[in-house]
């Protein structure tokens, strides 16, 4: 069963990306582009939409090779 992830703030998501070794390489017109050594393409999301929509999170997690469980575990450990 897929865990429910709702209302992930931009700051929490940035922290999650940094935790997994990604770096912000540029910000352009409200979009942040993050890259990592093992990624085949960058992770991109809009910073002016808070919380981040679930479909954006899922797409970026697939790019990173992670699951919703990984994000949920990180958010739970942070609290």
PDB file of N, CA and C in Angstrom:
ATOM      1  N   UNK A   1       0.837  -1.179   0.000  1.00  0.00           N
ATOM      2  CA  UNK A   1       0.000   0.000   0.000  1.00  0.00           C
ATOM      3  C   UNK A   1       0.884   1.246   0.000  1.00  0.00           C
ATOM      4  N   UNK A   2       0.516   2.226  -0.771  1.00  0.00           N
ATOM      5  CA  UNK A   2       1.288   3.457  -0.869  1.00  0.00           C
ATOM      6  C   UNK A   2       0.986   4.355   0.321  1.00  0.00           C
ATOM      7  N   UNK A   3       2.028   4.835   1.000  1.00  0.00           N
ATOM      8  CA  UNK A   3       1.780   5.726   2.129  1.00  0.00           C
ATOM      9  C   UNK A   3       1.264   7.073   1.648  1.00  0.00           C
ATOM     10  N   UNK A   4       0.478   7.704   2.477  1.00  0.00           N
ATOM     11  CA  UNK A   4      -0.070   9.010   2.130  1.00  0.00           C
ATOM     12  C   UNK A   4       0.945  10.096   2.482  1.00  0.00           C
ATOM     13  N   UNK A   5       1.315  10.875   1.489  1.00  0.00           N
ATOM     14  CA  UNK A   5       2.217  12.008   1.695  1.00  0.00           C
ATOM     15  C   UNK A   5       1.456  13.243   1.241  1.00  0.00           C
ATOM     16  N   UNK A   6       1.124  14.103   2.180  1.00  0.00           N
ATOM     17  CA  UNK A   6       0.390  15.325   1.847  1.00  0.00           C
ATOM     18  C   UNK A   6       1.070  16.498   2.528  1.00  0.00           C
ATOM     19  N   UNK A   7       0.949  17.631   1.896  1.00  0.00           N
ATOM     20  CA  UNK A   7       1.425  18.887   2.474  1.00  0.00           C
ATOM     21  C   UNK A   7       2.922  18.884   2.796  1.00  0.00           C
ATOM     22  N   UNK A   8       3.743  18.437   1.840  1.00  0.00           N
ATOM     23  CA  UNK A   8       5.197  18.512   2.003  1.00  0.00           C
ATOM     24  C   UNK A   8       5.612  19.931   1.608  1.00  0.00           C
ATOM     25  N   UNK A   9       6.166  20.655   2.559  1.00  0.00           N
ATOM     26  CA  UNK A   9       6.548  22.040   2.287  1.00  0.00           C
ATOM     27  C   UNK A   9       7.791  22.080   1.406  1.00  0.00           C
ATOM     28  N   UNK A  10       7.999  23.222   0.772  1.00  0.00           N
ATOM     29  CA  UNK A  10       9.167  23.413  -0.085  1.00  0.00           C
ATOM     30  C   UNK A  10      10.448  23.262   0.737  1.00  0.00           C
ATOM     31  N   UNK A  11      10.469  23.819   1.943  1.00  0.00           N
ATOM     32  CA  UNK A  11      11.666  23.735   2.791  1.00  0.00           C
ATOM     33  C   UNK A  11      11.972  22.301   3.194  1.00  0.00           C
ATOM     34  N   UNK A  12      10.938  21.531   3.552  1.00  0.00           N
ATOM     35  CA  UNK A  12      11.152  20.122   3.902  1.00  0.00           C
ATOM     36  C   UNK A  12      11.657  19.342   2.696  1.00  0.00           C
ATOM     37  N   UNK A  13      11.133  19.637   1.523  1.00  0.00           N
ATOM     38  CA  UNK A  13      11.542  18.926   0.310  1.00  0.00           C
ATOM     39  C   UNK A  13      12.989  19.255  -0.053  1.00  0.00           C
ATOM     40  N   UNK A  14      13.365  20.519   0.084  1.00  0.00           N
ATOM     41  CA  UNK A  14      14.757  20.912  -0.172  1.00  0.00           C
ATOM     42  C   UNK A  14      15.698  20.196   0.793  1.00  0.00           C
ATOM     43  N   UNK A  15      15.293  20.097   2.039  1.00  0.00           N
ATOM     44  CA  UNK A  15      16.092  19.404   3.048  1.00  0.00           C
ATOM     45  C   UNK A  15      16.245  17.924   2.689  1.00  0.00           C
ATOM     46  N   UNK A  16      15.161  17.303   2.214  1.00  0.00           N
ATOM     47  CA  UNK A  16      15.186  15.907   1.786  1.00  0.00           C
ATOM     48  C   UNK A  16      16.150  15.715   0.616  1.00  0.00           C
ATOM     49  N   UNK A  17      16.113  16.612  -0.362  1.00  0.00           N
ATOM     50  CA  UNK A  17      17.005  16.516  -1.515  1.00  0.00           C
ATOM     51  C   UNK A  17      18.457  16.674  -1.087  1.00  0.00           C
ATOM     52  N   UNK A  18      18.744  17.614  -0.221  1.00  0.00           N
ATOM     53  CA  UNK A  18      20.104  17.811   0.278  1.00  0.00           C
ATOM     54  C   UNK A  18      20.585  16.587   1.039  1.00  0.00           C
ATOM     55  N   UNK A  19      19.701  15.992   1.826  1.00  0.00           N
ATOM     56  CA  UNK A  19      20.027  14.797   2.601  1.00  0.00           C
ATOM     57  C   UNK A  19      20.466  13.652   1.687  1.00  0.00           C
ATOM     58  N   UNK A  20      19.910  13.598   0.478  1.00  0.00           N
ATOM     59  CA  UNK A  20      20.242  12.534  -0.473  1.00  0.00           C
ATOM     60  C   UNK A  20      21.348  12.935  -1.453  1.00  0.00           C
ATOM     61  N   UNK A  21      22.069  13.986  -1.138  1.00  0.00           N
ATOM     62  CA  UNK A  21      23.253  14.345  -1.900  1.00  0.00           C
ATOM     63  C   UNK A  21      23.023  15.182  -3.139  1.00  0.00           C
ATOM     64  N   UNK A  22      21.832  15.725  -3.326  1.00  0.00           N
ATOM     65  CA  UNK A  22      21.570  16.575  -4.475  1.00  0.00           C
ATOM     66  C   UNK A  22      21.940  18.015  -4.143  1.00  0.00           C
ATOM     67  N   UNK A  23      22.275  18.764  -5.179  1.00  0.00           N
ATOM     68  CA  UNK A  23      22.643  20.165  -5.005  1.00  0.00           C
ATOM     69  C   UNK A  23      21.825  21.031  -5.948  1.00  0.00           C
ATOM     70  N   UNK A  24      21.440  22.188  -5.448  1.00  0.00           N
ATOM     71  CA  UNK A  24      20.698  23.151  -6.258  1.00  0.00           C
ATOM     72  C   UNK A  24      21.686  23.804  -7.223  1.00  0.00           C
ATOM     73  N   UNK A  25      21.491  23.573  -8.524  1.00  0.00           N
ATOM     74  CA  UNK A  25      22.432  24.155  -9.486  1.00  0.00           C
ATOM     75  C   UNK A  25      21.935  25.470 -10.060  1.00  0.00           C
ATOM     76  N   UNK A  26      20.603  25.677 -10.042  1.00  0.00           N
ATOM     77  CA  UNK A  26      20.092  26.978 -10.492  1.00  0.00           C
ATOM     78  C   UNK A  26      18.620  27.133 -10.112  1.00  0.00           C
ATOM     79  N   UNK A  27      18.220  28.407 -10.060  1.00  0.00           N
ATOM     80  CA  UNK A  27      16.823  28.759  -9.850  1.00  0.00           C
ATOM     81  C   UNK A  27      16.449  29.713 -10.970  1.00  0.00           C
ATOM     82  N   UNK A  28      15.386  29.378 -11.684  1.00  0.00           N
ATOM     83  CA  UNK A  28      14.987  30.180 -12.827  1.00  0.00           C
ATOM     84  C   UNK A  28      13.480  30.346 -12.847  1.00  0.00           C
ATOM     85  N   UNK A  29      13.018  31.575 -12.682  1.00  0.00           N
ATOM     86  CA  UNK A  29      11.600  31.909 -12.782  1.00  0.00           C
ATOM     87  C   UNK A  29      10.712  31.020 -11.906  1.00  0.00           C
ATOM     88  N   UNK A  30      11.109  30.814 -10.666  1.00  0.00           N
ATOM     89  CA  UNK A  30      10.287  30.047  -9.743  1.00  0.00           C
ATOM     90  C   UNK A  30      10.483  28.552  -9.809  1.00  0.00           C
ATOM     91  N   UNK A  31      11.423  28.062 -10.585  1.00  0.00           N
ATOM     92  CA  UNK A  31      11.728  26.640 -10.668  1.00  0.00           C
ATOM     93  C   UNK A  31      13.142  26.414 -10.147  1.00  0.00           C
ATOM     94  N   UNK A  32      13.295  25.402  -9.302  1.00  0.00           N
ATOM     95  CA  UNK A  32      14.630  25.035  -8.841  1.00  0.00           C
ATOM     96  C   UNK A  32      15.049  23.757  -9.545  1.00  0.00           C
ATOM     97  N   UNK A  33      16.309  23.694  -9.932  1.00  0.00           N
ATOM     98  CA  UNK A  33      16.872  22.538 -10.616  1.00  0.00           C
ATOM     99  C   UNK A  33      17.952  21.957  -9.713  1.00  0.00           C
ATOM    100  N   UNK A  34      17.780  20.699  -9.336  1.00  0.00           N
ATOM    101  CA  UNK A  34      18.707  19.998  -8.460  1.00  0.00           C
ATOM    102  C   UNK A  34      19.322  18.832  -9.213  1.00  0.00           C
ATOM    103  N   UNK A  35      20.625  18.628  -9.042  1.00  0.00           N
ATOM    104  CA  UNK A  35      21.326  17.521  -9.710  1.00  0.00           C
ATOM    105  C   UNK A  35      22.120  16.725  -8.695  1.00  0.00           C
ATOM    106  N   UNK A  36      22.366  15.479  -9.070  1.00  0.00           N
ATOM    107  CA  UNK A  36      23.188  14.590  -8.261  1.00  0.00           C
ATOM    108  C   UNK A  36      24.021  13.712  -9.168  1.00  0.00           C
ATOM    109  N   UNK A  37      25.059  13.116  -8.627  1.00  0.00           N
ATOM    110  CA  UNK A  37      26.006  12.322  -9.417  1.00  0.00           C
ATOM    111  C   UNK A  37      25.345  11.102 -10.059  1.00  0.00           C
ATOM    112  N   UNK A  38      24.401  10.481  -9.375  1.00  0.00           N
ATOM    113  CA  UNK A  38      23.808   9.236  -9.872  1.00  0.00           C
ATOM    114  C   UNK A  38      22.534   9.447 -10.695  1.00  0.00           C
ATOM    115  N   UNK A  39      22.115  10.679 -10.891  1.00  0.00           N
ATOM    116  CA  UNK A  39      20.863  10.948 -11.607  1.00  0.00           C
ATOM    117  C   UNK A  39      21.091  11.028 -13.110  1.00  0.00           C
ATOM    118  N   UNK A  40      20.121  10.519 -13.868  1.00  0.00           N
ATOM    119  CA  UNK A  40      20.195  10.615 -15.325  1.00  0.00           C
ATOM    120  C   UNK A  40      19.596  11.916 -15.835  1.00  0.00           C
ATOM    121  N   UNK A  41      18.784  12.565 -14.997  1.00  0.00           N
ATOM    122  CA  UNK A  41      18.208  13.854 -15.355  1.00  0.00           C
ATOM    123  C   UNK A  41      17.986  14.644 -14.069  1.00  0.00           C
ATOM    124  N   UNK A  42      17.844  15.948 -14.163  1.00  0.00           N
ATOM    125  CA  UNK A  42      17.690  16.753 -12.947  1.00  0.00           C
ATOM    126  C   UNK A  42      16.304  16.625 -12.311  1.00  0.00           C
ATOM    127  N   UNK A  43      16.251  16.974 -11.047  1.00  0.00           N
ATOM    128  CA  UNK A  43      15.002  17.057 -10.288  1.00  0.00           C
ATOM    129  C   UNK A  43      14.577  18.520 -10.327  1.00  0.00           C
ATOM    130  N   UNK A  44      13.352  18.765 -10.799  1.00  0.00           N
ATOM    131  CA  UNK A  44      12.862  20.135 -10.959  1.00  0.00           C
ATOM    132  C   UNK A  44      11.516  20.268 -10.251  1.00  0.00           C
ATOM    133  N   UNK A  45      11.345  21.371  -9.539  1.00  0.00           N
ATOM    134  CA  UNK A  45      10.053  21.656  -8.913  1.00  0.00           C
ATOM    135  C   UNK A  45       9.868  23.159  -8.800  1.00  0.00           C
ATOM    136  N   UNK A  46       8.613  23.577  -8.637  1.00  0.00           N
ATOM    137  CA  UNK A  46       8.271  24.991  -8.534  1.00  0.00           C
ATOM    138  C   UNK A  46       8.339  25.424  -7.073  1.00  0.00           C
ATOM    139  N   UNK A  47       9.043  26.510  -6.830  1.00  0.00           N
ATOM    140  CA  UNK A  47       9.181  26.977  -5.453  1.00  0.00           C
ATOM    141  C   UNK A  47       8.038  27.880  -5.008  1.00  0.00           C
ATOM    142  N   UNK A  48       7.259  28.371  -5.941  1.00  0.00           N
ATOM    143  CA  UNK A  48       6.161  29.268  -5.570  1.00  0.00           C
ATOM    144  C   UNK A  48       4.856  28.523  -5.290  1.00  0.00           C
ATOM    145  N   UNK A  49       4.868  27.196  -5.399  1.00  0.00           N
ATOM    146  CA  UNK A  49       3.699  26.392  -5.047  1.00  0.00           C
ATOM    147  C   UNK A  49       4.051  25.607  -3.788  1.00  0.00           C
ATOM    148  N   UNK A  50       3.399  25.991  -2.676  1.00  0.00           N
ATOM    149  CA  UNK A  50       3.690  25.363  -1.400  1.00  0.00           C
ATOM    150  C   UNK A  50       2.377  24.978  -0.747  1.00  0.00           C
ATOM    151  N   UNK A  51       2.098  23.740  -0.453  1.00  0.00           N
ATOM    152  CA  UNK A  51       2.962  22.568  -0.513  1.00  0.00           C
ATOM    153  C   UNK A  51       3.149  22.046  -1.940  1.00  0.00           C
ATOM    154  N   UNK A  52       4.155  21.215  -2.109  1.00  0.00           N
ATOM    155  CA  UNK A  52       4.475  20.662  -3.424  1.00  0.00           C
ATOM    156  C   UNK A  52       3.426  19.612  -3.787  1.00  0.00           C
ATOM    157  N   UNK A  53       2.869  19.673  -5.009  1.00  0.00           N
ATOM    158  CA  UNK A  53       1.862  18.686  -5.425  1.00  0.00           C
ATOM    159  C   UNK A  53       2.426  17.256  -5.433  1.00  0.00           C
ATOM    160  N   UNK A  54       1.576  16.307  -5.084  1.00  0.00           N
ATOM    161  CA  UNK A  54       1.996  14.915  -4.956  1.00  0.00           C
ATOM    162  C   UNK A  54       2.551  14.351  -6.260  1.00  0.00           C
ATOM    163  N   UNK A  55       1.982  14.716  -7.411  1.00  0.00           N
ATOM    164  CA  UNK A  55       2.469  14.152  -8.668  1.00  0.00           C
ATOM    165  C   UNK A  55       3.886  14.617  -8.979  1.00  0.00           C
ATOM    166  N   UNK A  56       4.261  15.809  -8.538  1.00  0.00           N
ATOM    167  CA  UNK A  56       5.628  16.305  -8.711  1.00  0.00           C
ATOM    168  C   UNK A  56       6.574  15.502  -7.819  1.00  0.00           C
ATOM    169  N   UNK A  57       6.170  15.276  -6.589  1.00  0.00           N
ATOM    170  CA  UNK A  57       6.984  14.495  -5.655  1.00  0.00           C
ATOM    171  C   UNK A  57       7.208  13.094  -6.192  1.00  0.00           C
ATOM    172  N   UNK A  58       6.145  12.441  -6.666  1.00  0.00           N
ATOM    173  CA  UNK A  58       6.270  11.078  -7.185  1.00  0.00           C
ATOM    174  C   UNK A  58       7.195  11.015  -8.393  1.00  0.00           C
ATOM    175  N   UNK A  59       7.063  11.958  -9.303  1.00  0.00           N
ATOM    176  CA  UNK A  59       7.911  11.989 -10.486  1.00  0.00           C
ATOM    177  C   UNK A  59       9.375  12.162 -10.108  1.00  0.00           C
ATOM    178  N   UNK A  60       9.646  13.075  -9.192  1.00  0.00           N
ATOM    179  CA  UNK A  60      11.025  13.314  -8.775  1.00  0.00           C
ATOM    180  C   UNK A  60      11.602  12.139  -7.989  1.00  0.00           C
ATOM    181  N   UNK A  61      10.775  11.472  -7.198  1.00  0.00           N
ATOM    182  CA  UNK A  61      11.244  10.286  -6.483  1.00  0.00           C
ATOM    183  C   UNK A  61      11.623   9.173  -7.456  1.00  0.00           C
ATOM    184  N   UNK A  62      10.843   8.997  -8.530  1.00  0.00           N
ATOM    185  CA  UNK A  62      11.193   8.001  -9.560  1.00  0.00           C
ATOM    186  C   UNK A  62      12.535   8.341 -10.191  1.00  0.00           C
ATOM    187  N   UNK A  63      12.761   9.615 -10.471  1.00  0.00           N
ATOM    188  CA  UNK A  63      14.034  10.056 -11.036  1.00  0.00           C
ATOM    189  C   UNK A  63      15.189   9.724 -10.094  1.00  0.00           C
ATOM    190  N   UNK A  64      14.962   9.867  -8.797  1.00  0.00           N
ATOM    191  CA  UNK A  64      15.999   9.617  -7.797  1.00  0.00           C
ATOM    192  C   UNK A  64      16.146   8.144  -7.454  1.00  0.00           C
ATOM    193  N   UNK A  65      15.197   7.324  -7.884  1.00  0.00           N
ATOM    194  CA  UNK A  65      15.239   5.901  -7.551  1.00  0.00           C
ATOM    195  C   UNK A  65      14.792   5.625  -6.125  1.00  0.00           C
ATOM    196  N   UNK A  66      13.939   6.491  -5.584  1.00  0.00           N
ATOM    197  CA  UNK A  66      13.440   6.352  -4.219  1.00  0.00           C
ATOM    198  C   UNK A  66      11.932   6.133  -4.235  1.00  0.00           C
ATOM    199  N   UNK A  67      11.377   5.860  -3.062  1.00  0.00           N
ATOM    200  CA  UNK A  67       9.942   5.616  -2.943  1.00  0.00           C
ATOM    201  C   UNK A  67       9.320   6.630  -1.981  1.00  0.00           C
ATOM    202  N   UNK A  68       7.997   6.625  -1.945  1.00  0.00           N
ATOM    203  CA  UNK A  68       7.286   7.469  -0.987  1.00  0.00           C
ATOM    204  C   UNK A  68       7.626   7.075   0.446  1.00  0.00           C
ATOM    205  N   UNK A  69       7.919   5.794   0.667  1.00  0.00           N
ATOM    206  CA  UNK A  69       8.320   5.342   2.001  1.00  0.00           C
ATOM    207  C   UNK A  69       9.605   6.040   2.452  1.00  0.00           C
ATOM    208  N   UNK A  70      10.553   6.227   1.527  1.00  0.00           N
ATOM    209  CA  UNK A  70      11.802   6.905   1.859  1.00  0.00           C
ATOM    210  C   UNK A  70      11.532   8.341   2.307  1.00  0.00           C
ATOM    211  N   UNK A  71      10.662   9.021   1.591  1.00  0.00           N
ATOM    212  CA  UNK A  71      10.318  10.396   1.950  1.00  0.00           C
ATOM    213  C   UNK A  71       9.579  10.435   3.275  1.00  0.00           C
ATOM    214  N   UNK A  72       8.641   9.541   3.458  1.00  0.00           N
ATOM    215  CA  UNK A  72       7.872   9.504   4.711  1.00  0.00           C
ATOM    216  C   UNK A  72       8.789   9.223   5.897  1.00  0.00           C
ATOM    217  N   UNK A  73       9.714   8.265   5.731  1.00  0.00           N
ATOM    218  CA  UNK A  73      10.642   7.948   6.818  1.00  0.00           C
ATOM    219  C   UNK A  73      11.520   9.152   7.163  1.00  0.00           C
ATOM    220  N   UNK A  74      11.969   9.872   6.128  1.00  0.00           N
ATOM    221  CA  UNK A  74      12.789  11.056   6.383  1.00  0.00           C
ATOM    222  C   UNK A  74      11.993  12.119   7.136  1.00  0.00           C
ATOM    223  N   UNK A  75      10.781  12.380   6.692  1.00  0.00           N
ATOM    224  CA  UNK A  75       9.953  13.392   7.354  1.00  0.00           C
ATOM    225  C   UNK A  75       9.620  13.005   8.790  1.00  0.00           C
ATOM    226  N   UNK A  76       9.370  11.719   9.028  1.00  0.00           N
ATOM    227  CA  UNK A  76       9.080  11.263  10.394  1.00  0.00           C
ATOM    228  C   UNK A  76      10.305  11.360  11.288  1.00  0.00           C
ATOM    229  N   UNK A  77      11.487  11.087  10.745  1.00  0.00           N
ATOM    230  CA  UNK A  77      12.709  11.147  11.560  1.00  0.00           C
ATOM    231  C   UNK A  77      13.085  12.595  11.873  1.00  0.00           C
ATOM    232  N   UNK A  78      12.660  13.515  11.019  1.00  0.00           N
ATOM    233  CA  UNK A  78      12.971  14.922  11.211  1.00  0.00           C
ATOM    234  C   UNK A  78      12.151  15.544  12.339  1.00  0.00           C
ATOM    235  N   UNK A  79      10.975  14.994  12.563  1.00  0.00           N
ATOM    236  CA  UNK A  79      10.073  15.554  13.605  1.00  0.00           C
ATOM    237  C   UNK A  79      10.424  15.097  14.951  1.00  0.00           C
TER     238      UNK A  79
END
